[in-house]
Amino acid sequence: MSVTHETTRITWTIRPVIYLPMVHRQEAELPACAYGFKPHASD
């Protein structure tokens, strides 16, 4: 797909994406860094 504006042209490729159900991830162990994650407080 391409978009052209005056003399600038932007082109990118569109590809299908396969999303895996989250149910399969319940058995997986999270990496150690996931347990150290602290979400930022919202302003």
PDB file of N, CA and C in Angstrom:
ATOM      1  N   MET A   1       0.853  -1.157   0.000  1.00  0.00           N
ATOM      2  CA  MET A   1       0.000   0.000   0.000  1.00  0.00           C
ATOM      3  C   MET A   1       0.899   1.220   0.000  1.00  0.00           C
ATOM      4  N   SER A   2       0.514   2.225  -0.731  1.00  0.00           N
ATOM      5  CA  SER A   2       1.303   3.451  -0.818  1.00  0.00           C
ATOM      6  C   SER A   2       0.417   4.675  -0.629  1.00  0.00           C
ATOM      7  N   VAL A   3       1.013   5.698  -0.033  1.00  0.00           N
ATOM      8  CA  VAL A   3       0.353   6.983   0.123  1.00  0.00           C
ATOM      9  C   VAL A   3       1.313   8.032  -0.425  1.00  0.00           C
ATOM     10  N   THR A   4       0.810   8.889  -1.298  1.00  0.00           N
ATOM     11  CA  THR A   4       1.646   9.939  -1.881  1.00  0.00           C
ATOM     12  C   THR A   4       1.052  11.295  -1.547  1.00  0.00           C
ATOM     13  N   HIS A   5       1.922  12.187  -1.071  1.00  0.00           N
ATOM     14  CA  HIS A   5       1.532  13.574  -0.796  1.00  0.00           C
ATOM     15  C   HIS A   5       2.593  14.463  -1.412  1.00  0.00           C
ATOM     16  N   GLU A   6       2.214  15.215  -2.438  1.00  0.00           N
ATOM     17  CA  GLU A   6       3.132  16.061  -3.195  1.00  0.00           C
ATOM     18  C   GLU A   6       4.307  15.224  -3.688  1.00  0.00           C
ATOM     19  N   THR A   7       5.515  15.436  -3.177  1.00  0.00           N
ATOM     20  CA  THR A   7       6.675  14.672  -3.661  1.00  0.00           C
ATOM     21  C   THR A   7       7.094  13.565  -2.711  1.00  0.00           C
ATOM     22  N   THR A   8       6.330  13.345  -1.643  1.00  0.00           N
ATOM     23  CA  THR A   8       6.675  12.313  -0.659  1.00  0.00           C
ATOM     24  C   THR A   8       5.776  11.101  -0.854  1.00  0.00           C
ATOM     25  N   ARG A   9       6.403   9.931  -0.928  1.00  0.00           N
ATOM     26  CA  ARG A   9       5.650   8.690  -1.069  1.00  0.00           C
ATOM     27  C   ARG A   9       6.028   7.748   0.070  1.00  0.00           C
ATOM     28  N   ILE A  10       5.028   7.226   0.777  1.00  0.00           N
ATOM     29  CA  ILE A  10       5.233   6.279   1.872  1.00  0.00           C
ATOM     30  C   ILE A  10       4.616   4.952   1.445  1.00  0.00           C
ATOM     31  N   THR A  11       5.420   3.897   1.502  1.00  0.00           N
ATOM     32  CA  THR A  11       4.959   2.567   1.104  1.00  0.00           C
ATOM     33  C   THR A  11       5.200   1.593   2.245  1.00  0.00           C
ATOM     34  N   TRP A  12       4.216   0.736   2.522  1.00  0.00           N
ATOM     35  CA  TRP A  12       4.384  -0.299   3.530  1.00  0.00           C
ATOM     36  C   TRP A  12       3.663  -1.560   3.084  1.00  0.00           C
ATOM     37  N   THR A  13       4.021  -2.662   3.705  1.00  0.00           N
ATOM     38  CA  THR A  13       3.440  -3.956   3.379  1.00  0.00           C
ATOM     39  C   THR A  13       2.394  -4.326   4.415  1.00  0.00           C
ATOM     40  N   ILE A  14       1.274  -4.801   3.939  1.00  0.00           N
ATOM     41  CA  ILE A  14       0.205  -5.251   4.829  1.00  0.00           C
ATOM     42  C   ILE A  14       0.225  -6.773   4.834  1.00  0.00           C
ATOM     43  N   ARG A  15       0.336  -7.358   6.012  1.00  0.00           N
ATOM     44  CA  ARG A  15       0.369  -8.814   6.145  1.00  0.00           C
ATOM     45  C   ARG A  15      -0.686  -9.265   7.141  1.00  0.00           C
ATOM     46  N   PRO A  16      -1.261 -10.439   6.905  1.00  0.00           N
ATOM     47  CA  PRO A  16      -2.229 -10.953   7.880  1.00  0.00           C
ATOM     48  C   PRO A  16      -1.533 -11.306   9.197  1.00  0.00           C
ATOM     49  N   VAL A  17      -2.254 -11.155  10.284  1.00  0.00           N
ATOM     50  CA  VAL A  17      -1.716 -11.445  11.615  1.00  0.00           C
ATOM     51  C   VAL A  17      -2.574 -12.528  12.252  1.00  0.00           C
ATOM     52  N   ILE A  18      -1.921 -13.480  12.891  1.00  0.00           N
ATOM     53  CA  ILE A  18      -2.640 -14.545  13.588  1.00  0.00           C
ATOM     54  C   ILE A  18      -2.503 -14.287  15.089  1.00  0.00           C
ATOM     55  N   TYR A  19      -3.625 -14.111  15.758  1.00  0.00           N
ATOM     56  CA  TYR A  19      -3.625 -13.901  17.206  1.00  0.00           C
ATOM     57  C   TYR A  19      -3.906 -15.226  17.889  1.00  0.00           C
ATOM     58  N   LEU A  20      -3.040 -15.608  18.798  1.00  0.00           N
ATOM     59  CA  LEU A  20      -3.235 -16.846  19.543  1.00  0.00           C
ATOM     60  C   LEU A  20      -4.127 -16.581  20.747  1.00  0.00           C
ATOM     61  N   PRO A  21      -5.025 -17.481  21.045  1.00  0.00           N
ATOM     62  CA  PRO A  21      -5.877 -17.300  22.220  1.00  0.00           C
ATOM     63  C   PRO A  21      -5.031 -17.238  23.494  1.00  0.00           C
ATOM     64  N   MET A  22      -5.436 -16.419  24.429  1.00  0.00           N
ATOM     65  CA  MET A  22      -4.692 -16.273  25.676  1.00  0.00           C
ATOM     66  C   MET A  22      -4.798 -17.507  26.550  1.00  0.00           C
ATOM     67  N   VAL A  23      -5.793 -18.335  26.330  1.00  0.00           N
ATOM     68  CA  VAL A  23      -5.983 -19.525  27.157  1.00  0.00           C
ATOM     69  C   VAL A  23      -4.759 -20.450  27.085  1.00  0.00           C
ATOM     70  N   HIS A  24      -4.059 -20.446  25.974  1.00  0.00           N
ATOM     71  CA  HIS A  24      -2.876 -21.297  25.830  1.00  0.00           C
ATOM     72  C   HIS A  24      -1.687 -20.768  26.631  1.00  0.00           C
ATOM     73  N   ARG A  25      -1.752 -19.525  27.021  1.00  0.00           N
ATOM     74  CA  ARG A  25      -0.631 -18.926  27.735  1.00  0.00           C
ATOM     75  C   ARG A  25      -0.728 -19.135  29.238  1.00  0.00           C
ATOM     76  N   GLN A  26      -1.829 -19.649  29.741  1.00  0.00           N
ATOM     77  CA  GLN A  26      -1.984 -19.831  31.175  1.00  0.00           C
ATOM     78  C   GLN A  26      -0.997 -20.860  31.718  1.00  0.00           C
ATOM     79  N   GLU A  27      -0.636 -21.806  30.913  1.00  0.00           N
ATOM     80  CA  GLU A  27       0.302 -22.848  31.356  1.00  0.00           C
ATOM     81  C   GLU A  27       1.755 -22.364  31.301  1.00  0.00           C
ATOM     82  N   ALA A  28       2.007 -21.310  30.547  1.00  0.00           N
ATOM     83  CA  ALA A  28       3.373 -20.815  30.375  1.00  0.00           C
ATOM     84  C   ALA A  28       3.816 -20.040  31.607  1.00  0.00           C
ATOM     85  N   GLU A  29       5.086 -20.138  31.922  1.00  0.00           N
ATOM     86  CA  GLU A  29       5.649 -19.393  33.050  1.00  0.00           C
ATOM     87  C   GLU A  29       6.134 -18.040  32.552  1.00  0.00           C
ATOM     88  N   LEU A  30       5.860 -17.001  33.303  1.00  0.00           N
ATOM     89  CA  LEU A  30       6.289 -15.664  32.923  1.00  0.00           C
ATOM     90  C   LEU A  30       7.781 -15.500  33.180  1.00  0.00           C
ATOM     91  N   PRO A  31       8.455 -14.665  32.385  1.00  0.00           N
ATOM     92  CA  PRO A  31       9.871 -14.398  32.653  1.00  0.00           C
ATOM     93  C   PRO A  31      10.023 -13.624  33.963  1.00  0.00           C
ATOM     94  N   ALA A  32      11.183 -13.709  34.578  1.00  0.00           N
ATOM     95  CA  ALA A  32      11.432 -13.079  35.877  1.00  0.00           C
ATOM     96  C   ALA A  32      11.162 -11.581  35.852  1.00  0.00           C
ATOM     97  N   CYS A  33      11.450 -10.912  34.734  1.00  0.00           N
ATOM     98  CA  CYS A  33      11.258  -9.457  34.682  1.00  0.00           C
ATOM     99  C   CYS A  33       9.780  -9.077  34.776  1.00  0.00           C
ATOM    100  N   ALA A  34       8.866  -9.977  34.441  1.00  0.00           N
ATOM    101  CA  ALA A  34       7.427  -9.667  34.496  1.00  0.00           C
ATOM    102  C   ALA A  34       6.967  -9.442  35.928  1.00  0.00           C
ATOM    103  N   TYR A  35       7.593 -10.107  36.878  1.00  0.00           N
ATOM    104  CA  TYR A  35       7.186  -9.961  38.281  1.00  0.00           C
ATOM    105  C   TYR A  35       7.708  -8.665  38.897  1.00  0.00           C
ATOM    106  N   GLY A  36       8.713  -8.072  38.275  1.00  0.00           N
ATOM    107  CA  GLY A  36       9.263  -6.813  38.770  1.00  0.00           C
ATOM    108  C   GLY A  36       8.568  -5.602  38.169  1.00  0.00           C
ATOM    109  N   PHE A  37       7.628  -5.805  37.259  1.00  0.00           N
ATOM    110  CA  PHE A  37       6.945  -4.692  36.583  1.00  0.00           C
ATOM    111  C   PHE A  37       6.025  -3.954  37.545  1.00  0.00           C
ATOM    112  N   LYS A  38       6.175  -2.656  37.592  1.00  0.00           N
ATOM    113  CA  LYS A  38       5.320  -1.808  38.416  1.00  0.00           C
ATOM    114  C   LYS A  38       4.672  -0.774  37.486  1.00  0.00           C
ATOM    115  N   PRO A  39       3.354  -0.833  37.298  1.00  0.00           N
ATOM    116  CA  PRO A  39       2.720   0.152  36.420  1.00  0.00           C
ATOM    117  C   PRO A  39       2.826   1.566  36.997  1.00  0.00           C
ATOM    118  N   HIS A  40       2.919   2.546  36.096  1.00  0.00           N
ATOM    119  CA  HIS A  40       2.994   3.941  36.521  1.00  0.00           C
ATOM    120  C   HIS A  40       1.621   4.392  37.008  1.00  0.00           C
ATOM    121  N   ALA A  41       1.625   5.263  38.017  1.00  0.00           N
ATOM    122  CA  ALA A  41       0.366   5.835  38.507  1.00  0.00           C
ATOM    123  C   ALA A  41      -0.165   6.790  37.452  1.00  0.00           C
ATOM    124  N   SER A  42      -1.460   6.750  37.224  1.00  0.00           N
ATOM    125  CA  SER A  42      -2.053   7.661  36.236  1.00  0.00           C
ATOM    126  C   SER A  42      -2.146   9.066  36.831  1.00  0.00           C
ATOM    127  N   ASP A  43      -1.989  10.047  35.974  1.00  0.00           N
ATOM    128  CA  ASP A  43      -2.013  11.456  36.424  1.00  0.00           C
ATOM    129  C   ASP A  43      -3.410  11.961  36.538  1.00  0.00           C
TER     130      ASP A  43
END
